[in-house]
Structures are given as C-alpha cells and as structure tokens.
Amino acid sequence: MNLAHHEFAGPAGAPVLVLLHGVTRDWSDWEPIIPELVRDFRVVAVDHCGHGDSPRTPGQYLVADYARPTKAFLHEKFTEPVTVVGHSLGAMVALALAAECGPLIARAVLEDPPFHTMGRDIGATPYRQQFIGMQEVARRRGALAEMTKALAEIRLSETQRLGDIRDRAALEFSARCLARIDPDIFTPLVAGRWLDGFDHESLWPRVHCPLLLMQGDPAAGGALTDADVAIAKRAQPNTSHVRFAGIGHQIHRTRPTEFLRALHDERK
C-alpha cells in the first residue's frame, strides 16, 4: 500500500524524522511544529490508511491494521535509521515499529498512546460518544461551517458538549480532517475492538532503541494511564518518561513549546 506522505527538507545530511498522526486527523496535525523540526531533521509526515490522501481500506481499521502498511512504507522508503514520533494512534503504531523493525528505528517517541482507554475500556470514557458523533458528521459531510457546528454539538455527557472543551479553531481543524477520512475508521473504535490483535505488553520487551514516553495529565484529558506507564517502565527500565501536568491528550497541539523542549532534551 502506498501511504500518502509529505516531505520537508532539513539541513544537508540531517537524520530522518517520521511523524504519525492520531485517529481522525492527518499529516497536517503536525504542520504548526514542522518549521521547528526541520531545523534538525528531514521530516516525513504520513497519512494513515483511511485518512487524508491515503487509500481507504474498509474493514481494516484496527491498530494492527494501521501498523502493517506503515512498517512496509518505512522498509520501502528508508535504508538509514529513522526516528519515529507518533501521537495517540500514531504512538501505538510507533511502538509496533520500534518492536518489529529492528535497527531501522533509531528512536521512538510516543505521545500519549491511549491503549485500552480507546480500546476495551472506551465505554467508560467520553471518547465513545465523541467518536459516535464524529462518525455521523463524517458520513454527512457538508460545508466546513456545517460540519464545525455539528462537531460542537456532539454530546459527551448529559452536561457537556464537544464545543464546551474545544475552541472554534480546533473544531474547524477537526472538521477539515473529517471531510477527508473514511467514516468506517470509527466502527472498531465505538465497538471497543480497536486493539484486537495488538498487545502492547508483549511489544515493550522487544524494543531495543531509545524510547521517550510522553504522558498527558489524566486529570486534564490525557489518555495514557499511570498503569500503562508502569508496564512500559518494567519492561524497558531505560525508557525516558515525561508527564505534562495540566496538559491533556493533544500535547503537541496545545503546548508545542513544551512538546518540542521534551523532544530535544531527551535527545541529548
């Protein structure tokens, strides 16, 4: 499968950094911080299958299904080691790549991987209602303003709408991304089956490259649990871990300066 991607040249001879976005988004989720990243890297930002300009693969939108074509993409495109930075879904794919691609992965940075927060436990979170609403918006499509308004009205609970926790700019960005996805990506998510065939506990011990685990604050909407951090640290004692107090799931979007500082500090 030929995954769509965008490349941004860095300094001559700069190492490659591959960016993997979260579910419901596309490569442009990274666009605000790419000018900073290209100071040190040649940047390649990928669209997952079913997102952006990448092929649609109906019925194949489990986390494991995203990992397979991404692994093939890296092996086809690169011979030199690359750094992989993934957010949410992209972070889980990055973990699979770090475990399965051997020396091709020089370093993996995992930004708030949700694991079963968006898997079997999704029914206990607002994410299930959010994704049900987003799937309907993606199916209806329509003008950007209409989609943005519909997103704002998604009910996360009896007392809270998506528009209560996201500003208009964030809602408009989500609407633009939803206009370019396969609505079927939501089906395994809302069914709690997203992680079928993906066992993160068995992947950690197979990683031999440096790891940076970025954790959002669960009290502020972060999806990576303390229990999963503990699993990672037991399996990989040398894993670097940064917890962002007061910052939720979208670390690189809401606090880009802190995100970039952690990325570069842990590289030293």
C-alpha atoms as a PDB file:
ATOM      1  CA  MET A   1       0.000   0.000   0.000  1.00  0.00           C
ATOM      2  CA  ASN A   2       1.342   3.430  -0.926  1.00  0.00           C
ATOM      3  CA  LEU A   3       0.681   5.690   2.041  1.00  0.00           C
ATOM      4  CA  ALA A   4       0.368   9.385   1.241  1.00  0.00           C
ATOM      5  CA  HIS A   5       3.066  11.494   2.844  1.00  0.00           C
ATOM      6  CA  HIS A   6       4.629  14.938   2.794  1.00  0.00           C
ATOM      7  CA  GLU A   7       8.374  15.570   2.971  1.00  0.00           C
ATOM      8  CA  PHE A   8      10.175  18.628   4.317  1.00  0.00           C
ATOM      9  CA  ALA A   9      13.893  19.080   3.756  1.00  0.00           C
ATOM     10  CA  GLY A  10      16.135  19.791   6.718  1.00  0.00           C
ATOM     11  CA  PRO A  11      19.872  20.540   6.828  1.00  0.00           C
ATOM     12  CA  ALA A  12      22.108  18.591   4.464  1.00  0.00           C
ATOM     13  CA  GLY A  13      22.663  15.115   5.852  1.00  0.00           C
ATOM     14  CA  ALA A  14      20.058  15.581   8.591  1.00  0.00           C
ATOM     15  CA  PRO A  15      18.540  12.427  10.100  1.00  0.00           C
ATOM     16  CA  VAL A  16      15.006  11.438   9.119  1.00  0.00           C
ATOM     17  CA  LEU A  17      12.086  12.008  11.469  1.00  0.00           C
ATOM     18  CA  VAL A  18       8.785  10.290  10.605  1.00  0.00           C
ATOM     19  CA  LEU A  19       5.561  11.773  12.017  1.00  0.00           C
ATOM     20  CA  LEU A  20       2.475   9.600  12.634  1.00  0.00           C
ATOM     21  CA  HIS A  21      -0.790  11.358  13.475  1.00  0.00           C
ATOM     22  CA  GLY A  22      -3.686  10.305  15.677  1.00  0.00           C
ATOM     23  CA  VAL A  23      -7.018   8.830  14.635  1.00  0.00           C
ATOM     24  CA  THR A  24      -9.461  11.201  12.849  1.00  0.00           C
ATOM     25  CA  ARG A  25      -6.590  13.528  11.827  1.00  0.00           C
ATOM     26  CA  ASP A  26      -3.978  13.607   9.051  1.00  0.00           C
ATOM     27  CA  TRP A  27      -0.412  14.751   8.403  1.00  0.00           C
ATOM     28  CA  SER A  28      -1.391  18.416   8.802  1.00  0.00           C
ATOM     29  CA  ASP A  29      -1.888  17.874  12.535  1.00  0.00           C
ATOM     30  CA  TRP A  30       1.893  18.349  12.775  1.00  0.00           C
ATOM     31  CA  GLU A  31       2.069  21.379  10.471  1.00  0.00           C
ATOM     32  CA  PRO A  32       2.448  24.053  13.200  1.00  0.00           C
ATOM     33  CA  ILE A  33       5.647  22.481  14.573  1.00  0.00           C
ATOM     34  CA  ILE A  34       7.254  21.320  11.325  1.00  0.00           C
ATOM     35  CA  PRO A  35       9.185  24.615  10.869  1.00  0.00           C
ATOM     36  CA  GLU A  36      10.940  23.905  14.167  1.00  0.00           C
ATOM     37  CA  LEU A  37      11.540  20.234  13.412  1.00  0.00           C
ATOM     38  CA  VAL A  38      13.217  20.906  10.066  1.00  0.00           C
ATOM     39  CA  ARG A  39      15.961  22.801  11.863  1.00  0.00           C
ATOM     40  CA  ASP A  40      17.375  19.408  12.845  1.00  0.00           C
ATOM     41  CA  PHE A  41      15.609  16.770  10.742  1.00  0.00           C
ATOM     42  CA  ARG A  42      14.408  15.808   7.317  1.00  0.00           C
ATOM     43  CA  VAL A  43      10.716  15.422   8.166  1.00  0.00           C
ATOM     44  CA  VAL A  44       8.299  12.918   6.618  1.00  0.00           C
ATOM     45  CA  ALA A  45       4.655  13.241   7.728  1.00  0.00           C
ATOM     46  CA  VAL A  46       2.456  10.264   6.851  1.00  0.00           C
ATOM     47  CA  ASP A  47      -1.315   9.868   6.396  1.00  0.00           C
ATOM     48  CA  HIS A  48      -2.589   6.621   7.937  1.00  0.00           C
ATOM     49  CA  CYS A  49      -4.789   4.443   5.758  1.00  0.00           C
ATOM     50  CA  GLY A  50      -8.350   5.763   5.663  1.00  0.00           C
ATOM     51  CA  HIS A  51      -7.135   9.278   6.484  1.00  0.00           C
ATOM     52  CA  GLY A  52      -6.130  12.240   4.340  1.00  0.00           C
ATOM     53  CA  ASP A  53      -4.925  11.160   0.905  1.00  0.00           C
ATOM     54  CA  SER A  54      -4.023   7.568   1.811  1.00  0.00           C
ATOM     55  CA  PRO A  55      -6.017   4.612   0.436  1.00  0.00           C
ATOM     56  CA  ARG A  56      -9.292   3.547   2.045  1.00  0.00           C
ATOM     57  CA  THR A  57      -9.244   0.018   3.499  1.00  0.00           C
ATOM     58  CA  PRO A  58     -12.804  -0.741   4.678  1.00  0.00           C
ATOM     59  CA  GLY A  59     -12.967  -3.277   7.471  1.00  0.00           C
ATOM     60  CA  GLN A  60      -9.243  -2.925   8.214  1.00  0.00           C
ATOM     61  CA  TYR A  61      -9.053  -0.140  10.765  1.00  0.00           C
ATOM     62  CA  LEU A  62      -7.740  -1.902  13.852  1.00  0.00           C
ATOM     63  CA  VAL A  63      -4.495  -0.549  15.341  1.00  0.00           C
ATOM     64  CA  ALA A  64      -2.699  -3.621  13.996  1.00  0.00           C
ATOM     65  CA  ASP A  65      -4.087  -2.845  10.528  1.00  0.00           C
ATOM     66  CA  TYR A  66      -2.531   0.633  10.625  1.00  0.00           C
ATOM     67  CA  ALA A  67       0.835  -0.733  11.744  1.00  0.00           C
ATOM     68  CA  ARG A  68       1.317  -3.176   8.856  1.00  0.00           C
ATOM     69  CA  PRO A  69       1.305  -0.705   5.936  1.00  0.00           C
ATOM     70  CA  THR A  70       3.346   1.792   7.930  1.00  0.00           C
ATOM     71  CA  LYS A  71       6.008  -0.847   8.523  1.00  0.00           C
ATOM     72  CA  ALA A  72       6.027  -1.667   4.807  1.00  0.00           C
ATOM     73  CA  PHE A  73       6.268   2.048   3.943  1.00  0.00           C
ATOM     74  CA  LEU A  74       9.347   2.507   6.131  1.00  0.00           C
ATOM     75  CA  HIS A  75      11.102  -0.553   4.730  1.00  0.00           C
ATOM     76  CA  GLU A  76      10.401   0.516   1.157  1.00  0.00           C
ATOM     77  CA  LYS A  77      11.444   4.150   1.600  1.00  0.00           C
ATOM     78  CA  PHE A  78      14.391   4.153   4.009  1.00  0.00           C
ATOM     79  CA  THR A  79      17.636   2.284   4.410  1.00  0.00           C
ATOM     80  CA  GLU A  80      19.117   4.553   7.069  1.00  0.00           C
ATOM     81  CA  PRO A  81      17.762   4.511  10.655  1.00  0.00           C
ATOM     82  CA  VAL A  82      14.865   6.904  11.312  1.00  0.00           C
ATOM     83  CA  THR A  83      13.287   8.476  14.374  1.00  0.00           C
ATOM     84  CA  VAL A  84       9.554   7.852  14.656  1.00  0.00           C
ATOM     85  CA  VAL A  85       7.294  10.279  16.518  1.00  0.00           C
ATOM     86  CA  GLY A  86       3.668   9.238  16.946  1.00  0.00           C
ATOM     87  CA  HIS A  87       0.659  10.754  18.659  1.00  0.00           C
ATOM     88  CA  SER A  88      -2.212   8.634  20.039  1.00  0.00           C
ATOM     89  CA  LEU A  89      -2.898   6.025  17.308  1.00  0.00           C
ATOM     90  CA  GLY A  90       0.442   7.042  15.806  1.00  0.00           C
ATOM     91  CA  ALA A  91       2.156   6.397  19.142  1.00  0.00           C
ATOM     92  CA  MET A  92       0.824   2.849  19.251  1.00  0.00           C
ATOM     93  CA  VAL A  93       1.934   2.287  15.664  1.00  0.00           C
ATOM     94  CA  ALA A  94       5.353   3.721  16.586  1.00  0.00           C
ATOM     95  CA  LEU A  95       5.638   1.181  19.408  1.00  0.00           C
ATOM     96  CA  ALA A  96       4.901  -1.645  16.974  1.00  0.00           C
ATOM     97  CA  LEU A  97       7.520  -0.282  14.567  1.00  0.00           C
ATOM     98  CA  ALA A  98      10.124   0.000  17.328  1.00  0.00           C
ATOM     99  CA  ALA A  99       9.468  -3.620  18.294  1.00  0.00           C
ATOM    100  CA  GLU A 100       9.312  -5.056  14.789  1.00  0.00           C
ATOM    101  CA  CYS A 101      11.634  -3.004  12.548  1.00  0.00           C
ATOM    102  CA  GLY A 102      14.892  -3.605  14.411  1.00  0.00           C
ATOM    103  CA  PRO A 103      17.780  -1.264  13.543  1.00  0.00           C
ATOM    104  CA  LEU A 104      15.646   0.734  11.079  1.00  0.00           C
ATOM    105  CA  ILE A 105      14.197   2.599  14.089  1.00  0.00           C
ATOM    106  CA  ALA A 106      16.854   4.737  15.753  1.00  0.00           C
ATOM    107  CA  ARG A 107      14.475   6.190  18.335  1.00  0.00           C
ATOM    108  CA  ALA A 108      10.751   6.159  19.077  1.00  0.00           C
ATOM    109  CA  VAL A 109       8.779   8.973  20.695  1.00  0.00           C
ATOM    110  CA  LEU A 110       5.307   8.005  21.881  1.00  0.00           C
ATOM    111  CA  GLU A 111       2.971  10.914  22.637  1.00  0.00           C
ATOM    112  CA  ASP A 112       0.137   9.858  24.967  1.00  0.00           C
ATOM    113  CA  PRO A 113      -0.653   6.414  23.489  1.00  0.00           C
ATOM    114  CA  PRO A 114      -4.190   5.605  24.694  1.00  0.00           C
ATOM    115  CA  PHE A 115      -4.031   1.808  24.595  1.00  0.00           C
ATOM    116  CA  HIS A 116      -7.241   0.454  26.149  1.00  0.00           C
ATOM    117  CA  THR A 117      -8.506   3.903  27.124  1.00  0.00           C
ATOM    118  CA  MET A 118      -9.697   3.836  23.499  1.00  0.00           C
ATOM    119  CA  GLY A 119      -9.879   0.046  23.345  1.00  0.00           C
ATOM    120  CA  ARG A 120     -11.886  -2.263  25.561  1.00  0.00           C
ATOM    121  CA  ASP A 121     -12.349   0.487  28.196  1.00  0.00           C
ATOM    122  CA  ILE A 122     -13.674   3.145  25.832  1.00  0.00           C
ATOM    123  CA  GLY A 123     -17.239   2.792  27.129  1.00  0.00           C
ATOM    124  CA  ALA A 124     -16.132   4.235  30.468  1.00  0.00           C
ATOM    125  CA  THR A 125     -14.781   7.390  28.792  1.00  0.00           C
ATOM    126  CA  PRO A 126     -16.308  10.285  26.816  1.00  0.00           C
ATOM    127  CA  TYR A 127     -14.402   9.099  23.754  1.00  0.00           C
ATOM    128  CA  ARG A 128     -17.074   6.603  22.698  1.00  0.00           C
ATOM    129  CA  GLN A 129     -19.781   9.261  22.435  1.00  0.00           C
ATOM    130  CA  GLN A 130     -17.331  11.619  20.755  1.00  0.00           C
ATOM    131  CA  PHE A 131     -16.447   9.050  18.086  1.00  0.00           C
ATOM    132  CA  ILE A 132     -20.101   8.095  17.509  1.00  0.00           C
ATOM    133  CA  GLY A 133     -20.847  11.754  16.872  1.00  0.00           C
ATOM    134  CA  MET A 134     -17.793  12.230  14.666  1.00  0.00           C
ATOM    135  CA  GLN A 135     -18.704   9.224  12.556  1.00  0.00           C
ATOM    136  CA  GLU A 136     -22.094  10.747  11.833  1.00  0.00           C
ATOM    137  CA  VAL A 137     -20.515  14.098  10.929  1.00  0.00           C
ATOM    138  CA  ALA A 138     -18.035  12.337   8.622  1.00  0.00           C
ATOM    139  CA  ARG A 139     -20.857  10.437   6.909  1.00  0.00           C
ATOM    140  CA  ARG A 140     -22.975  13.558   6.316  1.00  0.00           C
ATOM    141  CA  ARG A 141     -20.019  15.714   5.181  1.00  0.00           C
ATOM    142  CA  GLY A 142     -21.307  19.141   4.052  1.00  0.00           C
ATOM    143  CA  ALA A 143     -19.786  22.606   4.183  1.00  0.00           C
ATOM    144  CA  LEU A 144     -16.987  23.286   6.655  1.00  0.00           C
ATOM    145  CA  ALA A 145     -19.169  25.618   8.733  1.00  0.00           C
ATOM    146  CA  GLU A 146     -21.926  22.999   8.953  1.00  0.00           C
ATOM    147  CA  MET A 147     -19.500  20.274   9.994  1.00  0.00           C
ATOM    148  CA  THR A 148     -17.874  22.553  12.563  1.00  0.00           C
ATOM    149  CA  LYS A 149     -21.253  23.374  14.109  1.00  0.00           C
ATOM    150  CA  ALA A 150     -22.237  19.703  14.177  1.00  0.00           C
ATOM    151  CA  LEU A 151     -18.995  18.799  15.931  1.00  0.00           C
ATOM    152  CA  ALA A 152     -19.577  21.457  18.582  1.00  0.00           C
ATOM    153  CA  GLU A 153     -22.989  19.915  19.339  1.00  0.00           C
ATOM    154  CA  ILE A 154     -21.713  16.377  19.946  1.00  0.00           C
ATOM    155  CA  ARG A 155     -22.810  15.310  23.418  1.00  0.00           C
ATOM    156  CA  LEU A 156     -20.030  13.827  25.549  1.00  0.00           C
ATOM    157  CA  SER A 157     -22.320  13.576  28.560  1.00  0.00           C
ATOM    158  CA  GLU A 158     -25.629  14.996  29.717  1.00  0.00           C
ATOM    159  CA  THR A 159     -23.929  18.239  30.717  1.00  0.00           C
ATOM    160  CA  GLN A 160     -21.038  18.595  28.276  1.00  0.00           C
ATOM    161  CA  ARG A 161     -20.703  19.112  24.523  1.00  0.00           C
ATOM    162  CA  LEU A 162     -17.548  18.835  22.451  1.00  0.00           C
ATOM    163  CA  GLY A 163     -17.853  22.567  21.847  1.00  0.00           C
ATOM    164  CA  ASP A 164     -17.523  23.163  25.580  1.00  0.00           C
ATOM    165  CA  ILE A 165     -13.973  21.811  25.641  1.00  0.00           C
ATOM    166  CA  ARG A 166     -12.672  22.706  22.151  1.00  0.00           C
ATOM    167  CA  ASP A 167     -12.478  26.195  20.699  1.00  0.00           C
ATOM    168  CA  ARG A 168     -13.702  27.057  17.218  1.00  0.00           C
ATOM    169  CA  ALA A 169     -10.261  26.779  15.606  1.00  0.00           C
ATOM    170  CA  ALA A 170      -9.830  23.240  16.974  1.00  0.00           C
ATOM    171  CA  LEU A 171     -13.328  22.274  15.815  1.00  0.00           C
ATOM    172  CA  GLU A 172     -12.693  23.666  12.323  1.00  0.00           C
ATOM    173  CA  PHE A 173      -9.454  21.712  12.075  1.00  0.00           C
ATOM    174  CA  SER A 174     -11.276  18.520  13.088  1.00  0.00           C
ATOM    175  CA  ALA A 175     -13.971  19.239  10.501  1.00  0.00           C
ATOM    176  CA  ARG A 176     -11.376  19.625   7.739  1.00  0.00           C
ATOM    177  CA  CYS A 177      -9.810  16.301   8.701  1.00  0.00           C
ATOM    178  CA  LEU A 178     -13.171  14.516   8.947  1.00  0.00           C
ATOM    179  CA  ALA A 179     -14.019  15.657   5.426  1.00  0.00           C
ATOM    180  CA  ARG A 180     -11.031  13.575   4.251  1.00  0.00           C
ATOM    181  CA  ILE A 181     -11.493  10.286   6.111  1.00  0.00           C
ATOM    182  CA  ASP A 182     -13.326   7.020   5.631  1.00  0.00           C
ATOM    183  CA  PRO A 183     -16.196   7.064   8.191  1.00  0.00           C
ATOM    184  CA  ASP A 184     -15.596   3.337   8.698  1.00  0.00           C
ATOM    185  CA  ILE A 185     -12.470   4.127  10.767  1.00  0.00           C
ATOM    186  CA  PHE A 186     -14.802   4.671  13.733  1.00  0.00           C
ATOM    187  CA  THR A 187     -16.515   1.272  13.595  1.00  0.00           C
ATOM    188  CA  PRO A 188     -13.957  -0.754  15.632  1.00  0.00           C
ATOM    189  CA  LEU A 189     -13.411   2.221  17.948  1.00  0.00           C
ATOM    190  CA  VAL A 190     -17.022   2.513  19.087  1.00  0.00           C
ATOM    191  CA  ALA A 191     -17.251  -1.283  19.335  1.00  0.00           C
ATOM    192  CA  GLY A 192     -14.303  -1.418  21.752  1.00  0.00           C
ATOM    193  CA  ARG A 193     -12.374  -3.667  19.336  1.00  0.00           C
ATOM    194  CA  TRP A 194      -9.709  -1.219  18.189  1.00  0.00           C
ATOM    195  CA  LEU A 195      -6.831  -3.066  19.904  1.00  0.00           C
ATOM    196  CA  ASP A 196      -7.846  -6.567  18.799  1.00  0.00           C
ATOM    197  CA  GLY A 197      -4.612  -8.298  17.779  1.00  0.00           C
ATOM    198  CA  PHE A 198      -2.437  -5.562  19.305  1.00  0.00           C
ATOM    199  CA  ASP A 199      -0.855  -6.500  22.627  1.00  0.00           C
ATOM    200  CA  HIS A 200       1.286  -3.607  23.812  1.00  0.00           C
ATOM    201  CA  GLU A 201       2.518  -5.535  26.863  1.00  0.00           C
ATOM    202  CA  SER A 202       4.226  -8.057  24.580  1.00  0.00           C
ATOM    203  CA  LEU A 203       5.766  -5.307  22.418  1.00  0.00           C
ATOM    204  CA  TRP A 204       7.689  -3.340  25.060  1.00  0.00           C
ATOM    205  CA  PRO A 205      10.287  -6.078  25.777  1.00  0.00           C
ATOM    206  CA  ARG A 206      11.078  -6.374  22.053  1.00  0.00           C
ATOM    207  CA  VAL A 207      12.160  -2.740  21.692  1.00  0.00           C
ATOM    208  CA  HIS A 208      15.917  -2.132  21.528  1.00  0.00           C
ATOM    209  CA  CYS A 209      16.047   1.538  20.516  1.00  0.00           C
ATOM    210  CA  PRO A 210      15.784   4.529  22.894  1.00  0.00           C
ATOM    211  CA  LEU A 211      12.197   5.322  23.889  1.00  0.00           C
ATOM    212  CA  LEU A 212      10.605   8.569  25.014  1.00  0.00           C
ATOM    213  CA  LEU A 213       7.140   8.195  26.516  1.00  0.00           C
ATOM    214  CA  MET A 214       5.159  11.444  26.740  1.00  0.00           C
ATOM    215  CA  GLN A 215       2.167  11.335  29.046  1.00  0.00           C
ATOM    216  CA  GLY A 216      -0.671  13.836  29.160  1.00  0.00           C
ATOM    217  CA  ASP A 217      -2.261  14.557  32.520  1.00  0.00           C
ATOM    218  CA  PRO A 218      -5.163  12.105  33.018  1.00  0.00           C
ATOM    219  CA  ALA A 219      -6.946  14.744  35.093  1.00  0.00           C
ATOM    220  CA  ALA A 220      -6.807  17.119  32.108  1.00  0.00           C
ATOM    221  CA  GLY A 221      -7.862  14.581  29.464  1.00  0.00           C
ATOM    222  CA  GLY A 222      -4.645  12.620  28.945  1.00  0.00           C
ATOM    223  CA  ALA A 223      -5.294   9.096  27.659  1.00  0.00           C
ATOM    224  CA  LEU A 224      -2.147   7.240  28.773  1.00  0.00           C
ATOM    225  CA  THR A 225      -2.790   5.712  32.185  1.00  0.00           C
ATOM    226  CA  ASP A 226      -0.288   5.505  35.032  1.00  0.00           C
ATOM    227  CA  ALA A 227      -0.753   1.725  34.983  1.00  0.00           C
ATOM    228  CA  ASP A 228       0.394   1.546  31.363  1.00  0.00           C
ATOM    229  CA  VAL A 229       3.382   3.779  32.111  1.00  0.00           C
ATOM    230  CA  ALA A 230       4.343   1.329  34.854  1.00  0.00           C
ATOM    231  CA  ILE A 231       4.077  -1.590  32.406  1.00  0.00           C
ATOM    232  CA  ALA A 232       6.394   0.187  29.976  1.00  0.00           C
ATOM    233  CA  LYS A 233       8.952   1.032  32.649  1.00  0.00           C
ATOM    234  CA  ARG A 234       9.034  -2.516  33.988  1.00  0.00           C
ATOM    235  CA  ALA A 235       9.642  -3.910  30.511  1.00  0.00           C
ATOM    236  CA  GLN A 236      12.019  -1.104  29.456  1.00  0.00           C
ATOM    237  CA  PRO A 237      13.700   0.372  32.561  1.00  0.00           C
ATOM    238  CA  ASN A 238      15.655   2.859  30.452  1.00  0.00           C
ATOM    239  CA  THR A 239      12.524   4.382  28.926  1.00  0.00           C
ATOM    240  CA  SER A 240      12.506   8.166  29.326  1.00  0.00           C
ATOM    241  CA  HIS A 241       9.170   9.385  30.664  1.00  0.00           C
ATOM    242  CA  VAL A 242       7.846  12.935  30.702  1.00  0.00           C
ATOM    243  CA  ARG A 243       4.491  13.756  32.271  1.00  0.00           C
ATOM    244  CA  PHE A 244       2.898  17.071  31.304  1.00  0.00           C
ATOM    245  CA  ALA A 245       0.975  18.417  34.296  1.00  0.00           C
ATOM    246  CA  GLY A 246      -2.253  20.145  33.346  1.00  0.00           C
ATOM    247  CA  ILE A 247      -1.966  19.188  29.655  1.00  0.00           C
ATOM    248  CA  GLY A 248      -4.387  16.749  28.039  1.00  0.00           C
ATOM    249  CA  HIS A 249      -4.145  14.356  25.110  1.00  0.00           C
ATOM    250  CA  GLN A 250      -3.114  16.882  22.424  1.00  0.00           C
ATOM    251  CA  ILE A 251       0.295  17.829  23.839  1.00  0.00           C
ATOM    252  CA  HIS A 252       1.960  18.900  20.577  1.00  0.00           C
ATOM    253  CA  ARG A 253      -1.052  20.993  19.533  1.00  0.00           C
ATOM    254  CA  THR A 254      -1.902  22.694  22.807  1.00  0.00           C
ATOM    255  CA  ARG A 255       1.617  23.137  24.221  1.00  0.00           C
ATOM    256  CA  PRO A 256       4.036  22.921  21.288  1.00  0.00           C
ATOM    257  CA  THR A 257       6.885  24.633  23.126  1.00  0.00           C
ATOM    258  CA  GLU A 258       6.835  22.102  25.964  1.00  0.00           C
ATOM    259  CA  PHE A 259       6.484  19.239  23.480  1.00  0.00           C
ATOM    260  CA  LEU A 260       9.495  20.376  21.441  1.00  0.00           C
ATOM    261  CA  ARG A 261      11.566  21.001  24.555  1.00  0.00           C
ATOM    262  CA  ALA A 262      10.946  17.447  25.760  1.00  0.00           C
ATOM    263  CA  LEU A 263      11.689  16.050  22.300  1.00  0.00           C
ATOM    264  CA  HIS A 264      15.044  17.831  22.121  1.00  0.00           C
ATOM    265  CA  ASP A 265      16.026  17.495  25.791  1.00  0.00           C
ATOM    266  CA  GLU A 266      15.618  13.740  25.713  1.00  0.00           C
ATOM    267  CA  ARG A 267      17.637  13.588  22.500  1.00  0.00           C
ATOM    268  CA  LYS A 268      20.762  14.893  24.216  1.00  0.00           C
END
